[in-house]
Amino acid sequence: MDKIYLGNGTEKFNGDQIEFALNLSKIKQAQEHIFEYKGEKYLKLRMVKKREADQYGRTHYIEVNTFKPEQQPTQQAAPMPTTPIEPVAPTDGFEDSIPF
């Protein structure tokens, strides 16, 4: 799938802070990646460091995390066959020494 780039950022204060701007018009391209969790909507983003700063000094870019795990059908285990267990009567007054 093609990457969806939403903005660029600049590293500041020796890497302690990265300031960036998002292009909110491009979020429409990411609609299929918005998901809901506990009644709130989320969009997972990824901030990636560029190999080199561009001509404007931008050192990072923001992209949409488009990873979707493959849905595998859930297989339920087949129920174990049950065979009724018949009690065994003691034979010849024999008692074993097993405590249970």
PDB file of N, CA and C in Angstrom:
ATOM      1  N   MET A   1       0.839  -1.168   0.000  1.00  0.00           N
ATOM      2  CA  MET A   1       0.000   0.000   0.000  1.00  0.00           C
ATOM      3  C   MET A   1       0.885   1.233   0.000  1.00  0.00           C
ATOM      4  N   ASP A   2       0.429   2.268  -0.678  1.00  0.00           N
ATOM      5  CA  ASP A   2       1.176   3.515  -0.737  1.00  0.00           C
ATOM      6  C   ASP A   2       1.176   4.194   0.623  1.00  0.00           C
ATOM      7  N   LYS A   3       2.257   4.884   0.898  1.00  0.00           N
ATOM      8  CA  LYS A   3       2.359   5.610   2.158  1.00  0.00           C
ATOM      9  C   LYS A   3       1.537   6.890   2.067  1.00  0.00           C
ATOM     10  N   ILE A   4       0.997   7.286   3.196  1.00  0.00           N
ATOM     11  CA  ILE A   4       0.227   8.526   3.270  1.00  0.00           C
ATOM     12  C   ILE A   4       1.019   9.478   4.160  1.00  0.00           C
ATOM     13  N   TYR A   5       1.625  10.494   3.547  1.00  0.00           N
ATOM     14  CA  TYR A   5       2.440  11.460   4.278  1.00  0.00           C
ATOM     15  C   TYR A   5       1.546  12.611   4.734  1.00  0.00           C
ATOM     16  N   LEU A   6       1.643  12.966   6.002  1.00  0.00           N
ATOM     17  CA  LEU A   6       0.794  14.015   6.552  1.00  0.00           C
ATOM     18  C   LEU A   6       1.545  15.273   6.941  1.00  0.00           C
ATOM     19  N   GLY A   7       2.865  15.246   6.979  1.00  0.00           N
ATOM     20  CA  GLY A   7       3.584  16.453   7.359  1.00  0.00           C
ATOM     21  C   GLY A   7       5.054  16.211   7.567  1.00  0.00           C
ATOM     22  N   ASN A   8       5.736  17.284   7.949  1.00  0.00           N
ATOM     23  CA  ASN A   8       7.170  17.260   8.211  1.00  0.00           C
ATOM     24  C   ASN A   8       7.448  17.938   9.540  1.00  0.00           C
ATOM     25  N   GLY A   9       8.604  17.603  10.116  1.00  0.00           N
ATOM     26  CA  GLY A   9       8.967  18.200  11.396  1.00  0.00           C
ATOM     27  C   GLY A   9      10.430  18.546  11.459  1.00  0.00           C
ATOM     28  N   THR A  10      10.763  19.343  12.465  1.00  0.00           N
ATOM     29  CA  THR A  10      12.132  19.797  12.667  1.00  0.00           C
ATOM     30  C   THR A  10      12.575  19.433  14.075  1.00  0.00           C
ATOM     31  N   GLU A  11      13.739  18.824  14.155  1.00  0.00           N
ATOM     32  CA  GLU A  11      14.324  18.460  15.446  1.00  0.00           C
ATOM     33  C   GLU A  11      14.887  19.718  16.106  1.00  0.00           C
ATOM     34  N   LYS A  12      14.596  19.860  17.403  1.00  0.00           N
ATOM     35  CA  LYS A  12      15.067  21.044  18.131  1.00  0.00           C
ATOM     36  C   LYS A  12      15.634  20.636  19.476  1.00  0.00           C
ATOM     37  N   PHE A  13      16.403  21.504  20.077  1.00  0.00           N
ATOM     38  CA  PHE A  13      16.974  21.310  21.404  1.00  0.00           C
ATOM     39  C   PHE A  13      17.733  19.986  21.506  1.00  0.00           C
ATOM     40  N   ASN A  14      18.635  19.778  20.576  1.00  0.00           N
ATOM     41  CA  ASN A  14      19.489  18.576  20.545  1.00  0.00           C
ATOM     42  C   ASN A  14      18.682  17.287  20.513  1.00  0.00           C
ATOM     43  N   GLY A  15      17.568  17.304  19.825  1.00  0.00           N
ATOM     44  CA  GLY A  15      16.750  16.099  19.670  1.00  0.00           C
ATOM     45  C   GLY A  15      15.739  15.876  20.776  1.00  0.00           C
ATOM     46  N   ASP A  16      15.693  16.762  21.772  1.00  0.00           N
ATOM     47  CA  ASP A  16      14.734  16.593  22.861  1.00  0.00           C
ATOM     48  C   ASP A  16      13.308  16.921  22.430  1.00  0.00           C
ATOM     49  N   GLN A  17      13.165  17.632  21.326  1.00  0.00           N
ATOM     50  CA  GLN A  17      11.839  18.038  20.874  1.00  0.00           C
ATOM     51  C   GLN A  17      11.797  17.983  19.356  1.00  0.00           C
ATOM     52  N   ILE A  18      10.662  17.557  18.836  1.00  0.00           N
ATOM     53  CA  ILE A  18      10.451  17.585  17.390  1.00  0.00           C
ATOM     54  C   ILE A  18       9.149  18.333  17.155  1.00  0.00           C
ATOM     55  N   GLU A  19       9.254  19.421  16.431  1.00  0.00           N
ATOM     56  CA  GLU A  19       8.106  20.257  16.134  1.00  0.00           C
ATOM     57  C   GLU A  19       7.649  19.944  14.723  1.00  0.00           C
ATOM     58  N   PHE A  20       6.358  19.707  14.544  1.00  0.00           N
ATOM     59  CA  PHE A  20       5.876  19.370  13.213  1.00  0.00           C
ATOM     60  C   PHE A  20       4.489  19.942  12.981  1.00  0.00           C
ATOM     61  N   ALA A  21       4.109  19.967  11.718  1.00  0.00           N
ATOM     62  CA  ALA A  21       2.780  20.422  11.317  1.00  0.00           C
ATOM     63  C   ALA A  21       2.140  19.319  10.481  1.00  0.00           C
ATOM     64  N   LEU A  22       0.859  19.058  10.764  1.00  0.00           N
ATOM     65  CA  LEU A  22       0.115  18.054   9.997  1.00  0.00           C
ATOM     66  C   LEU A  22      -0.739  18.738   8.951  1.00  0.00           C
ATOM     67  N   ASN A  23      -0.790  18.147   7.781  1.00  0.00           N
ATOM     68  CA  ASN A  23      -1.672  18.628   6.727  1.00  0.00           C
ATOM     69  C   ASN A  23      -3.018  17.930   6.923  1.00  0.00           C
ATOM     70  N   LEU A  24      -3.952  18.605   7.572  1.00  0.00           N
ATOM     71  CA  LEU A  24      -5.239  17.996   7.901  1.00  0.00           C
ATOM     72  C   LEU A  24      -6.079  17.687   6.664  1.00  0.00           C
ATOM     73  N   SER A  25      -5.807  18.343   5.548  1.00  0.00           N
ATOM     74  CA  SER A  25      -6.538  18.038   4.307  1.00  0.00           C
ATOM     75  C   SER A  25      -6.230  16.628   3.830  1.00  0.00           C
ATOM     76  N   LYS A  26      -5.042  16.115   4.142  1.00  0.00           N
ATOM     77  CA  LYS A  26      -4.653  14.771   3.697  1.00  0.00           C
ATOM     78  C   LYS A  26      -5.231  13.666   4.580  1.00  0.00           C
ATOM     79  N   ILE A  27      -5.812  14.020   5.715  1.00  0.00           N
ATOM     80  CA  ILE A  27      -6.373  12.994   6.592  1.00  0.00           C
ATOM     81  C   ILE A  27      -7.532  12.276   5.893  1.00  0.00           C
ATOM     82  N   LYS A  28      -8.167  12.934   4.933  1.00  0.00           N
ATOM     83  CA  LYS A  28      -9.231  12.276   4.164  1.00  0.00           C
ATOM     84  C   LYS A  28      -8.703  11.018   3.473  1.00  0.00           C
ATOM     85  N   GLN A  29      -7.445  11.039   3.056  1.00  0.00           N
ATOM     86  CA  GLN A  29      -6.838   9.872   2.413  1.00  0.00           C
ATOM     87  C   GLN A  29      -6.665   8.728   3.397  1.00  0.00           C
ATOM     88  N   ALA A  30      -6.663   9.045   4.684  1.00  0.00           N
ATOM     89  CA  ALA A  30      -6.405   8.036   5.715  1.00  0.00           C
ATOM     90  C   ALA A  30      -7.682   7.542   6.386  1.00  0.00           C
ATOM     91  N   GLN A  31      -8.840   7.871   5.849  1.00  0.00           N
ATOM     92  CA  GLN A  31     -10.115   7.505   6.477  1.00  0.00           C
ATOM     93  C   GLN A  31     -10.213   6.017   6.791  1.00  0.00           C
ATOM     94  N   GLU A  32      -9.735   5.168   5.900  1.00  0.00           N
ATOM     95  CA  GLU A  32      -9.869   3.721   6.120  1.00  0.00           C
ATOM     96  C   GLU A  32      -8.987   3.215   7.258  1.00  0.00           C
ATOM     97  N   HIS A  33      -8.077   4.056   7.752  1.00  0.00           N
ATOM     98  CA  HIS A  33      -7.178   3.646   8.832  1.00  0.00           C
ATOM     99  C   HIS A  33      -7.600   4.209  10.189  1.00  0.00           C
ATOM    100  N   ILE A  34      -8.688   4.955  10.213  1.00  0.00           N
ATOM    101  CA  ILE A  34      -9.218   5.462  11.472  1.00  0.00           C
ATOM    102  C   ILE A  34     -10.004   4.337  12.117  1.00  0.00           C
ATOM    103  N   PHE A  35      -9.762   4.112  13.399  1.00  0.00           N
ATOM    104  CA  PHE A  35     -10.458   3.034  14.097  1.00  0.00           C
ATOM    105  C   PHE A  35     -11.024   3.556  15.409  1.00  0.00           C
ATOM    106  N   GLU A  36     -11.967   2.818  15.940  1.00  0.00           N
ATOM    107  CA  GLU A  36     -12.616   3.219  17.184  1.00  0.00           C
ATOM    108  C   GLU A  36     -12.213   2.262  18.303  1.00  0.00           C
ATOM    109  N   TYR A  37     -11.965   2.831  19.471  1.00  0.00           N
ATOM    110  CA  TYR A  37     -11.622   2.049  20.651  1.00  0.00           C
ATOM    111  C   TYR A  37     -12.268   2.717  21.849  1.00  0.00           C
ATOM    112  N   LYS A  38     -13.114   1.979  22.527  1.00  0.00           N
ATOM    113  CA  LYS A  38     -13.831   2.474  23.714  1.00  0.00           C
ATOM    114  C   LYS A  38     -14.523   3.799  23.438  1.00  0.00           C
ATOM    115  N   GLY A  39     -15.176   3.874  22.278  1.00  0.00           N
ATOM    116  CA  GLY A  39     -15.967   5.048  21.935  1.00  0.00           C
ATOM    117  C   GLY A  39     -15.179   6.238  21.418  1.00  0.00           C
ATOM    118  N   GLU A  40     -13.862   6.138  21.322  1.00  0.00           N
ATOM    119  CA  GLU A  40     -13.023   7.221  20.823  1.00  0.00           C
ATOM    120  C   GLU A  40     -12.422   6.814  19.481  1.00  0.00           C
ATOM    121  N   LYS A  41     -12.210   7.790  18.590  1.00  0.00           N
ATOM    122  CA  LYS A  41     -11.631   7.513  17.275  1.00  0.00           C
ATOM    123  C   LYS A  41     -10.142   7.835  17.292  1.00  0.00           C
ATOM    124  N   TYR A  42      -9.364   6.956  16.644  1.00  0.00           N
ATOM    125  CA  TYR A  42      -7.905   7.084  16.619  1.00  0.00           C
ATOM    126  C   TYR A  42      -7.372   6.918  15.199  1.00  0.00           C
ATOM    127  N   LEU A  43      -6.215   7.507  14.976  1.00  0.00           N
ATOM    128  CA  LEU A  43      -5.462   7.335  13.744  1.00  0.00           C
ATOM    129  C   LEU A  43      -4.017   7.143  14.167  1.00  0.00           C
ATOM    130  N   LYS A  44      -3.441   5.968  13.870  1.00  0.00           N
ATOM    131  CA  LYS A  44      -2.059   5.699  14.267  1.00  0.00           C
ATOM    132  C   LYS A  44      -1.120   6.368  13.268  1.00  0.00           C
ATOM    133  N   LEU A  45      -0.174   7.117  13.809  1.00  0.00           N
ATOM    134  CA  LEU A  45       0.809   7.816  12.988  1.00  0.00           C
ATOM    135  C   LEU A  45       2.199   7.311  13.329  1.00  0.00           C
ATOM    136  N   ARG A  46       3.109   7.544  12.416  1.00  0.00           N
ATOM    137  CA  ARG A  46       4.503   7.145  12.610  1.00  0.00           C
ATOM    138  C   ARG A  46       5.369   8.361  12.284  1.00  0.00           C
ATOM    139  N   MET A  47       6.276   8.724  13.199  1.00  0.00           N
ATOM    140  CA  MET A  47       7.228   9.788  12.945  1.00  0.00           C
ATOM    141  C   MET A  47       8.551   9.128  12.587  1.00  0.00           C
ATOM    142  N   VAL A  48       9.105   9.483  11.441  1.00  0.00           N
ATOM    143  CA  VAL A  48      10.315   8.840  10.935  1.00  0.00           C
ATOM    144  C   VAL A  48      11.392   9.895  10.704  1.00  0.00           C
ATOM    145  N   LYS A  49      12.599   9.574  11.146  1.00  0.00           N
ATOM    146  CA  LYS A  49      13.716  10.483  10.933  1.00  0.00           C
ATOM    147  C   LYS A  49      14.207  10.371   9.494  1.00  0.00           C
ATOM    148  N   LYS A  50      14.383  11.512   8.843  1.00  0.00           N
ATOM    149  CA  LYS A  50      14.908  11.525   7.475  1.00  0.00           C
ATOM    150  C   LYS A  50      16.401  11.222   7.504  1.00  0.00           C
ATOM    151  N   ARG A  51      16.912  10.689   6.415  1.00  0.00           N
ATOM    152  CA  ARG A  51      18.355  10.419   6.339  1.00  0.00           C
ATOM    153  C   ARG A  51      19.152  11.709   6.444  1.00  0.00           C
ATOM    154  N   GLU A  52      18.638  12.743   5.795  1.00  0.00           N
ATOM    155  CA  GLU A  52      19.272  14.060   5.831  1.00  0.00           C
ATOM    156  C   GLU A  52      18.173  15.102   5.930  1.00  0.00           C
ATOM    157  N   ALA A  53      18.497  16.210   6.559  1.00  0.00           N
ATOM    158  CA  ALA A  53      17.538  17.311   6.616  1.00  0.00           C
ATOM    159  C   ALA A  53      17.317  17.850   5.208  1.00  0.00           C
ATOM    160  N   ASP A  54      16.086  18.274   4.927  1.00  0.00           N
ATOM    161  CA  ASP A  54      15.820  18.831   3.600  1.00  0.00           C
ATOM    162  C   ASP A  54      16.271  20.297   3.541  1.00  0.00           C
ATOM    163  N   GLN A  55      15.995  20.958   2.447  1.00  0.00           N
ATOM    164  CA  GLN A  55      16.479  22.329   2.258  1.00  0.00           C
ATOM    165  C   GLN A  55      15.889  23.315   3.260  1.00  0.00           C
ATOM    166  N   TYR A  56      14.802  22.927   3.940  1.00  0.00           N
ATOM    167  CA  TYR A  56      14.177  23.802   4.936  1.00  0.00           C
ATOM    168  C   TYR A  56      14.567  23.409   6.361  1.00  0.00           C
ATOM    169  N   GLY A  57      15.453  22.434   6.497  1.00  0.00           N
ATOM    170  CA  GLY A  57      15.907  22.004   7.813  1.00  0.00           C
ATOM    171  C   GLY A  57      14.987  20.991   8.482  1.00  0.00           C
ATOM    172  N   ARG A  58      14.016  20.459   7.744  1.00  0.00           N
ATOM    173  CA  ARG A  58      13.098  19.473   8.321  1.00  0.00           C
ATOM    174  C   ARG A  58      13.798  18.124   8.411  1.00  0.00           C
ATOM    175  N   THR A  59      13.764  17.552   9.578  1.00  0.00           N
ATOM    176  CA  THR A  59      14.524  16.331   9.862  1.00  0.00           C
ATOM    177  C   THR A  59      13.658  15.081   9.996  1.00  0.00           C
ATOM    178  N   HIS A  60      12.348  15.243  10.077  1.00  0.00           N
ATOM    179  CA  HIS A  60      11.433  14.121  10.281  1.00  0.00           C
ATOM    180  C   HIS A  60      10.209  14.276   9.382  1.00  0.00           C
ATOM    181  N   TYR A  61       9.518  13.180   9.167  1.00  0.00           N
ATOM    182  CA  TYR A  61       8.229  13.251   8.479  1.00  0.00           C
ATOM    183  C   TYR A  61       7.218  12.391   9.224  1.00  0.00           C
ATOM    184  N   ILE A  62       5.961  12.697   9.009  1.00  0.00           N
ATOM    185  CA  ILE A  62       4.856  11.989   9.649  1.00  0.00           C
ATOM    186  C   ILE A  62       4.107  11.233   8.570  1.00  0.00           C
ATOM    187  N   GLU A  63       3.858   9.953   8.831  1.00  0.00           N
ATOM    188  CA  GLU A  63       3.070   9.147   7.903  1.00  0.00           C
ATOM    189  C   GLU A  63       2.030   8.361   8.689  1.00  0.00           C
ATOM    190  N   VAL A  64       1.000   7.927   7.984  1.00  0.00           N
ATOM    191  CA  VAL A  64      -0.041   7.111   8.605  1.00  0.00           C
ATOM    192  C   VAL A  64       0.478   5.685   8.713  1.00  0.00           C
ATOM    193  N   ASN A  65       0.279   5.079   9.862  1.00  0.00           N
ATOM    194  CA  ASN A  65       0.619   3.666  10.035  1.00  0.00           C
ATOM    195  C   ASN A  65      -0.494   2.871   9.363  1.00  0.00           C
ATOM    196  N   THR A  66      -0.214   2.321   8.187  1.00  0.00           N
ATOM    197  CA  THR A  66      -1.234   1.637   7.389  1.00  0.00           C
ATOM    198  C   THR A  66      -1.252   0.137   7.613  1.00  0.00           C
ATOM    199  N   PHE A  67      -0.494  -0.358   8.578  1.00  0.00           N
ATOM    200  CA  PHE A  67      -0.442  -1.797   8.828  1.00  0.00           C
ATOM    201  C   PHE A  67      -1.788  -2.294   9.328  1.00  0.00           C
ATOM    202  N   LYS A  68      -2.272  -3.343   8.691  1.00  0.00           N
ATOM    203  CA  LYS A  68      -3.492  -4.015   9.143  1.00  0.00           C
ATOM    204  C   LYS A  68      -3.166  -5.498   9.254  1.00  0.00           C
ATOM    205  N   PRO A  69      -3.291  -6.068  10.431  1.00  0.00           N
ATOM    206  CA  PRO A  69      -3.020  -7.502  10.554  1.00  0.00           C
ATOM    207  C   PRO A  69      -4.050  -8.298   9.764  1.00  0.00           C
ATOM    208  N   GLU A  70      -3.602  -9.410   9.215  1.00  0.00           N
ATOM    209  CA  GLU A  70      -4.517 -10.268   8.468  1.00  0.00           C
ATOM    210  C   GLU A  70      -5.485 -10.929   9.433  1.00  0.00           C
ATOM    211  N   GLN A  71      -6.749 -10.866   9.078  1.00  0.00           N
ATOM    212  CA  GLN A  71      -7.760 -11.509   9.908  1.00  0.00           C
ATOM    213  C   GLN A  71      -7.791 -12.984   9.553  1.00  0.00           C
ATOM    214  N   GLN A  72      -7.480 -13.816  10.510  1.00  0.00           N
ATOM    215  CA  GLN A  72      -7.535 -15.252  10.289  1.00  0.00           C
ATOM    216  C   GLN A  72      -8.790 -15.773  10.959  1.00  0.00           C
ATOM    217  N   PRO A  73      -9.501 -16.660  10.280  1.00  0.00           N
ATOM    218  CA  PRO A  73     -10.715 -17.188  10.905  1.00  0.00           C
ATOM    219  C   PRO A  73     -10.362 -17.929  12.183  1.00  0.00           C
ATOM    220  N   THR A  74     -11.145 -17.686  13.185  1.00  0.00           N
ATOM    221  CA  THR A  74     -10.887 -18.360  14.457  1.00  0.00           C
ATOM    222  C   THR A  74     -11.446 -19.768  14.385  1.00  0.00           C
ATOM    223  N   GLN A  75     -10.625 -20.703  14.751  1.00  0.00           N
ATOM    224  CA  GLN A  75     -11.044 -22.093  14.749  1.00  0.00           C
ATOM    225  C   GLN A  75     -11.267 -22.518  16.182  1.00  0.00           C
ATOM    226  N   GLN A  76     -12.450 -23.041  16.415  1.00  0.00           N
ATOM    227  CA  GLN A  76     -12.724 -23.532  17.749  1.00  0.00           C
ATOM    228  C   GLN A  76     -12.306 -24.988  17.805  1.00  0.00           C
ATOM    229  N   ALA A  77     -11.724 -25.361  18.902  1.00  0.00           N
ATOM    230  CA  ALA A  77     -11.292 -26.743  19.076  1.00  0.00           C
ATOM    231  C   ALA A  77     -12.512 -27.644  19.135  1.00  0.00           C
ATOM    232  N   ALA A  78     -12.407 -28.777  18.489  1.00  0.00           N
ATOM    233  CA  ALA A  78     -13.500 -29.741  18.519  1.00  0.00           C
ATOM    234  C   ALA A  78     -13.642 -30.264  19.946  1.00  0.00           C
ATOM    235  N   PRO A  79     -14.864 -30.407  20.408  1.00  0.00           N
ATOM    236  CA  PRO A  79     -15.028 -30.903  21.776  1.00  0.00           C
ATOM    237  C   PRO A  79     -14.456 -32.302  21.917  1.00  0.00           C
ATOM    238  N   MET A  80     -13.841 -32.534  23.056  1.00  0.00           N
ATOM    239  CA  MET A  80     -13.262 -33.841  23.341  1.00  0.00           C
ATOM    240  C   MET A  80     -14.401 -34.843  23.522  1.00  0.00           C
ATOM    241  N   PRO A  81     -14.273 -36.004  22.913  1.00  0.00           N
ATOM    242  CA  PRO A  81     -15.322 -36.998  23.125  1.00  0.00           C
ATOM    243  C   PRO A  81     -15.302 -37.464  24.579  1.00  0.00           C
ATOM    244  N   THR A  82     -16.467 -37.596  25.126  1.00  0.00           N
ATOM    245  CA  THR A  82     -16.549 -38.024  26.517  1.00  0.00           C
ATOM    246  C   THR A  82     -17.009 -39.473  26.577  1.00  0.00           C
ATOM    247  N   THR A  83     -16.283 -40.238  27.314  1.00  0.00           N
ATOM    248  CA  THR A  83     -16.619 -41.647  27.524  1.00  0.00           C
ATOM    249  C   THR A  83     -16.945 -41.799  29.003  1.00  0.00           C
ATOM    250  N   PRO A  84     -18.113 -42.315  29.308  1.00  0.00           N
ATOM    251  CA  PRO A  84     -18.437 -42.455  30.723  1.00  0.00           C
ATOM    252  C   PRO A  84     -17.480 -43.438  31.385  1.00  0.00           C
ATOM    253  N   ILE A  85     -17.059 -43.074  32.580  1.00  0.00           N
ATOM    254  CA  ILE A  85     -16.148 -43.921  33.345  1.00  0.00           C
ATOM    255  C   ILE A  85     -16.984 -44.731  34.326  1.00  0.00           C
ATOM    256  N   GLU A  86     -16.809 -46.035  34.237  1.00  0.00           N
ATOM    257  CA  GLU A  86     -17.556 -46.903  35.133  1.00  0.00           C
ATOM    258  C   GLU A  86     -16.726 -47.178  36.375  1.00  0.00           C
ATOM    259  N   PRO A  87     -17.340 -47.120  37.552  1.00  0.00           N
ATOM    260  CA  PRO A  87     -16.579 -47.405  38.767  1.00  0.00           C
ATOM    261  C   PRO A  87     -16.122 -48.851  38.787  1.00  0.00           C
ATOM    262  N   VAL A  88     -14.946 -49.043  39.326  1.00  0.00           N
ATOM    263  CA  VAL A  88     -14.380 -50.382  39.417  1.00  0.00           C
ATOM    264  C   VAL A  88     -14.572 -50.871  40.850  1.00  0.00           C
ATOM    265  N   ALA A  89     -15.133 -52.031  40.982  1.00  0.00           N
ATOM    266  CA  ALA A  89     -15.357 -52.598  42.326  1.00  0.00           C
ATOM    267  C   ALA A  89     -14.054 -53.174  42.846  1.00  0.00           C
ATOM    268  N   PRO A  90     -13.771 -53.022  44.156  1.00  0.00           N
ATOM    269  CA  PRO A  90     -12.543 -53.601  44.711  1.00  0.00           C
ATOM    270  C   PRO A  90     -12.557 -55.119  44.562  1.00  0.00           C
ATOM    271  N   THR A  91     -11.397 -55.686  44.337  1.00  0.00           N
ATOM    272  CA  THR A  91     -11.302 -57.127  44.145  1.00  0.00           C
ATOM    273  C   THR A  91     -10.509 -57.760  45.280  1.00  0.00           C
ATOM    274  N   ASP A  92     -11.018 -58.832  45.794  1.00  0.00           N
ATOM    275  CA  ASP A  92     -10.336 -59.668  46.767  1.00  0.00           C
ATOM    276  C   ASP A  92      -9.769 -58.896  47.973  1.00  0.00           C
ATOM    277  N   GLY A  93     -10.392 -57.833  48.364  1.00  0.00           N
ATOM    278  CA  GLY A  93      -9.945 -57.112  49.537  1.00  0.00           C
ATOM    279  C   GLY A  93      -8.612 -56.417  49.346  1.00  0.00           C
ATOM    280  N   PHE A  94      -8.185 -56.259  48.104  1.00  0.00           N
ATOM    281  CA  PHE A  94      -6.902 -55.631  47.820  1.00  0.00           C
ATOM    282  C   PHE A  94      -7.047 -54.109  47.979  1.00  0.00           C
ATOM    283  N   GLU A  95      -6.142 -53.515  48.718  1.00  0.00           N
ATOM    284  CA  GLU A  95      -6.101 -52.067  48.851  1.00  0.00           C
ATOM    285  C   GLU A  95      -4.699 -51.612  48.471  1.00  0.00           C
ATOM    286  N   ASP A  96      -4.650 -50.584  47.630  1.00  0.00           N
ATOM    287  CA  ASP A  96      -3.322 -50.089  47.281  1.00  0.00           C
ATOM    288  C   ASP A  96      -2.882 -49.027  48.288  1.00  0.00           C
ATOM    289  N   SER A  97      -1.659 -48.639  48.229  1.00  0.00           N
ATOM    290  CA  SER A  97      -1.133 -47.681  49.187  1.00  0.00           C
ATOM    291  C   SER A  97      -1.161 -46.255  48.657  1.00  0.00           C
ATOM    292  N   ILE A  98      -1.831 -46.001  47.549  1.00  0.00           N
ATOM    293  CA  ILE A  98      -1.904 -44.662  46.979  1.00  0.00           C
ATOM    294  C   ILE A  98      -2.895 -43.848  47.810  1.00  0.00           C
ATOM    295  N   PRO A  99      -2.511 -42.665  48.288  1.00  0.00           N
ATOM    296  CA  PRO A  99      -3.345 -41.895  49.196  1.00  0.00           C
ATOM    297  C   PRO A  99      -4.527 -41.203  48.536  1.00  0.00           C
ATOM    298  N   PHE A 100      -4.736 -41.338  47.268  1.00  0.00           N
ATOM    299  CA  PHE A 100      -5.889 -40.651  46.654  1.00  0.00           C
ATOM    300  C   PHE A 100      -6.733 -41.585  45.850  1.00  0.00           C
TER     301      PHE A 100
END
